[in-house]
Protein backbone atom coordinates (compact mmCIF):
# COMPACT_ATOMS: atom_id res chain seq x y z
CA MET A 1 -14.80 60.05 -28.23
CA ALA A 2 -11.08 60.63 -28.22
CA ASN A 3 -8.70 57.78 -28.83
CA ARG A 4 -5.96 57.42 -26.32
CA LEU A 5 -3.18 54.93 -25.96
CA TRP A 6 -3.26 52.44 -23.13
CA ASP A 7 -0.69 53.39 -20.56
CA SER A 8 0.49 50.23 -18.82
CA TYR A 9 1.69 52.18 -15.80
CA ALA A 10 -1.36 54.37 -15.28
CA ASP A 11 -4.07 51.91 -16.38
CA GLY A 12 -2.68 48.60 -15.21
CA LEU A 13 -2.62 46.89 -11.86
CA SER A 14 0.53 46.02 -10.06
CA LEU A 15 1.15 42.30 -9.74
CA ARG A 16 0.56 42.63 -6.00
CA ASP A 17 -2.84 44.33 -6.53
CA ALA A 18 -3.84 41.72 -9.09
CA MET A 19 -2.88 38.85 -6.76
CA ASP A 20 -4.70 40.51 -3.84
CA ARG A 21 -7.87 40.76 -5.90
CA LEU A 22 -7.52 37.17 -7.12
CA LEU A 23 -7.10 35.80 -3.62
CA GLU A 24 -9.90 37.94 -2.16
CA HIS A 25 -12.36 36.49 -4.64
CA SER A 26 -11.15 32.91 -4.81
CA VAL A 27 -11.12 31.72 -1.22
CA VAL A 28 -12.67 28.28 -1.03
CA ARG A 29 -13.70 27.18 2.44
CA SER A 30 -13.69 23.43 2.88
CA GLN A 31 -16.28 22.02 5.24
CA GLY A 32 -14.70 21.12 8.55
CA LEU A 33 -11.57 23.24 8.07
CA VAL A 34 -13.02 26.52 9.18
CA SER A 35 -14.79 26.94 12.47
CA GLY A 36 -18.41 27.95 12.76
CA SER A 37 -19.97 31.24 13.75
CA ASN A 38 -18.24 31.39 17.12
CA GLY A 39 -15.26 33.09 15.49
CA GLY A 40 -12.68 30.45 16.32
CA GLY A 41 -9.75 30.02 13.96
CA ALA A 42 -9.22 27.52 11.19
CA ARG A 43 -9.19 23.92 12.34
CA ILE A 44 -5.96 22.85 10.73
CA MET A 45 -3.73 20.14 12.13
CA PRO A 46 -0.17 21.02 11.07
CA ILE A 47 2.00 17.96 10.46
CA ASP A 48 5.50 16.91 9.50
CA VAL A 49 6.07 13.60 7.71
CA PHE A 50 9.46 12.09 6.97
CA GLU A 51 11.03 8.72 6.27
CA LYS A 52 13.60 7.28 8.66
CA ASP A 53 15.13 3.87 7.97
CA SER A 54 12.21 1.46 7.38
CA ASP A 55 9.65 3.69 9.12
CA TYR A 56 7.73 6.87 8.47
CA VAL A 57 7.50 9.44 11.23
CA ILE A 58 4.45 11.68 11.47
CA ARG A 59 4.40 14.59 13.89
CA ALA A 60 1.16 16.48 14.50
CA TYR A 61 0.72 19.70 16.44
CA LEU A 62 -2.13 19.20 18.95
CA PRO A 63 -1.75 21.85 21.69
CA GLY A 64 -3.58 21.10 24.92
CA THR A 65 -4.96 17.80 23.64
CA LYS A 66 -5.17 14.87 26.05
CA THR A 67 -4.11 11.44 24.85
CA ASP A 68 -7.69 10.20 25.41
CA ASP A 69 -8.89 12.74 22.83
CA VAL A 70 -6.73 11.31 20.02
CA ASP A 71 -7.83 8.50 17.70
CA ILE A 72 -5.39 6.97 15.19
CA SER A 73 -6.25 4.46 12.48
CA ALA A 74 -4.31 2.96 9.59
CA GLU A 75 -5.34 1.10 6.46
CA ARG A 76 -3.01 0.10 3.63
CA GLU A 77 -0.99 3.26 2.91
CA THR A 78 -3.13 5.78 4.81
CA VAL A 79 -2.93 6.94 8.40
CA THR A 80 -5.75 9.01 9.89
CA ILE A 81 -5.45 11.13 13.02
CA LYS A 82 -8.59 12.47 14.71
CA ALA A 83 -8.35 14.71 17.76
CA HIS A 84 -10.04 17.40 19.79
CA ILE A 85 -8.05 20.58 20.45
CA PRO A 86 -9.51 22.46 23.44
CA GLY A 87 -9.96 26.22 23.22
CA GLU A 88 -11.96 29.26 24.23
CA GLY A 89 -14.83 28.21 21.97
CA ASP A 90 -15.38 25.12 24.12
CA LYS A 91 -16.33 27.21 27.14
CA ALA A 92 -19.99 27.74 27.91
CA GLU A 93 -19.60 31.53 28.01
CA ALA A 94 -17.98 31.63 24.52
CA GLY A 95 -21.39 32.32 22.99
CA ASP A 96 -21.41 35.66 24.81
CA TYR A 97 -18.05 36.72 23.36
CA ARG A 98 -17.82 39.25 20.56
CA TRP A 99 -14.95 37.71 18.62
CA ILE A 100 -12.50 40.08 16.95
CA VAL A 101 -9.88 37.57 15.79
CA GLY A 102 -9.81 33.84 16.45
CA GLU A 103 -6.84 32.14 14.82
CA LEU A 104 -5.64 29.70 17.44
CA GLY A 105 -7.73 26.85 16.10
CA TYR A 106 -9.68 24.53 18.35
CA GLY A 107 -12.33 21.86 18.10
CA ASP A 108 -12.39 18.56 16.26
CA VAL A 109 -9.66 18.06 13.68
CA VAL A 110 -8.94 15.23 11.25
CA ARG A 111 -5.91 14.67 9.08
CA THR A 112 -5.36 11.76 6.71
CA VAL A 113 -1.88 11.11 5.36
CA ARG A 114 -1.36 8.95 2.28
CA LEU A 115 2.11 7.42 2.36
CA PRO A 116 3.97 6.07 -0.69
CA VAL A 117 3.81 2.40 0.39
CA PRO A 118 1.56 0.21 2.59
CA VAL A 119 2.22 0.35 6.33
CA ASN A 120 2.00 -2.11 9.20
CA GLY A 121 -0.92 -0.59 11.10
CA SER A 122 -0.68 -3.01 14.02
CA ALA A 123 2.89 -1.91 14.81
CA ILE A 124 2.37 1.88 14.85
CA GLU A 125 3.76 3.52 17.97
CA ALA A 126 2.32 6.82 19.24
CA SER A 127 3.51 9.23 21.91
CA MET A 128 2.57 12.76 22.97
CA GLU A 129 5.00 15.30 24.39
CA GLU A 130 4.31 19.00 24.96
CA GLY A 131 1.42 19.11 22.50
CA VAL A 132 3.20 17.23 19.72
CA LEU A 133 1.92 13.80 18.72
CA THR A 134 4.64 11.58 17.24
CA LEU A 135 3.76 8.45 15.29
CA THR A 136 6.34 5.91 14.21
CA VAL A 137 4.75 4.07 11.30
CA PRO A 138 6.59 0.96 10.10
CA LYS A 139 6.39 -0.01 6.45
CA ALA A 140 4.62 -3.28 5.70
CA GLU A 141 7.00 -6.20 5.17
CA GLU A 142 6.01 -6.50 1.51
CA ALA A 143 6.92 -2.84 0.99
CA LYS A 144 10.43 -3.09 2.43
CA PRO A 145 13.26 -3.54 -0.04
CA ARG A 146 14.75 -7.04 -0.11
CA LYS A 147 18.19 -8.16 -1.10
CA ILE A 148 18.05 -11.03 -3.55
CA ALA A 149 21.02 -13.35 -3.72
CA VAL A 150 22.20 -14.42 -7.13
CA VAL A 151 23.07 -18.13 -7.39
CA ALA A 152 25.69 -19.28 -9.89
CA LYS A 153 24.85 -22.36 -11.97
């Protein structure tokens, strides 16, 4: 057996090849995030969350969803949004399809957001416009900053 030096260029992988291999073998599919055998896309509910004055604003992308198909709940510092996004997979004939690519995402979705402070769940306002759900989530009174007056003695 002949000894030969390791040639980093000829024997090594490029960083791109190494990352491709790593990602190909390390995909973890969470239950409920990926659709079943019908070939539909991942059931992800994209959101934006930001703070504005004494409220948090949560925007969720729910294309084609009717307001009756949205359920919102809040407890302490968490807000949960449940919804049904309609799609091709909902149709009766979808079982006869031979899916090639299905990335649009449809079906039941759930997203729970943990906010930094407790919220006032009874005062949450929700509206839907052009497939975007907007929640205005007020902070609980005990979580709002208070100005404390200093008294001279």
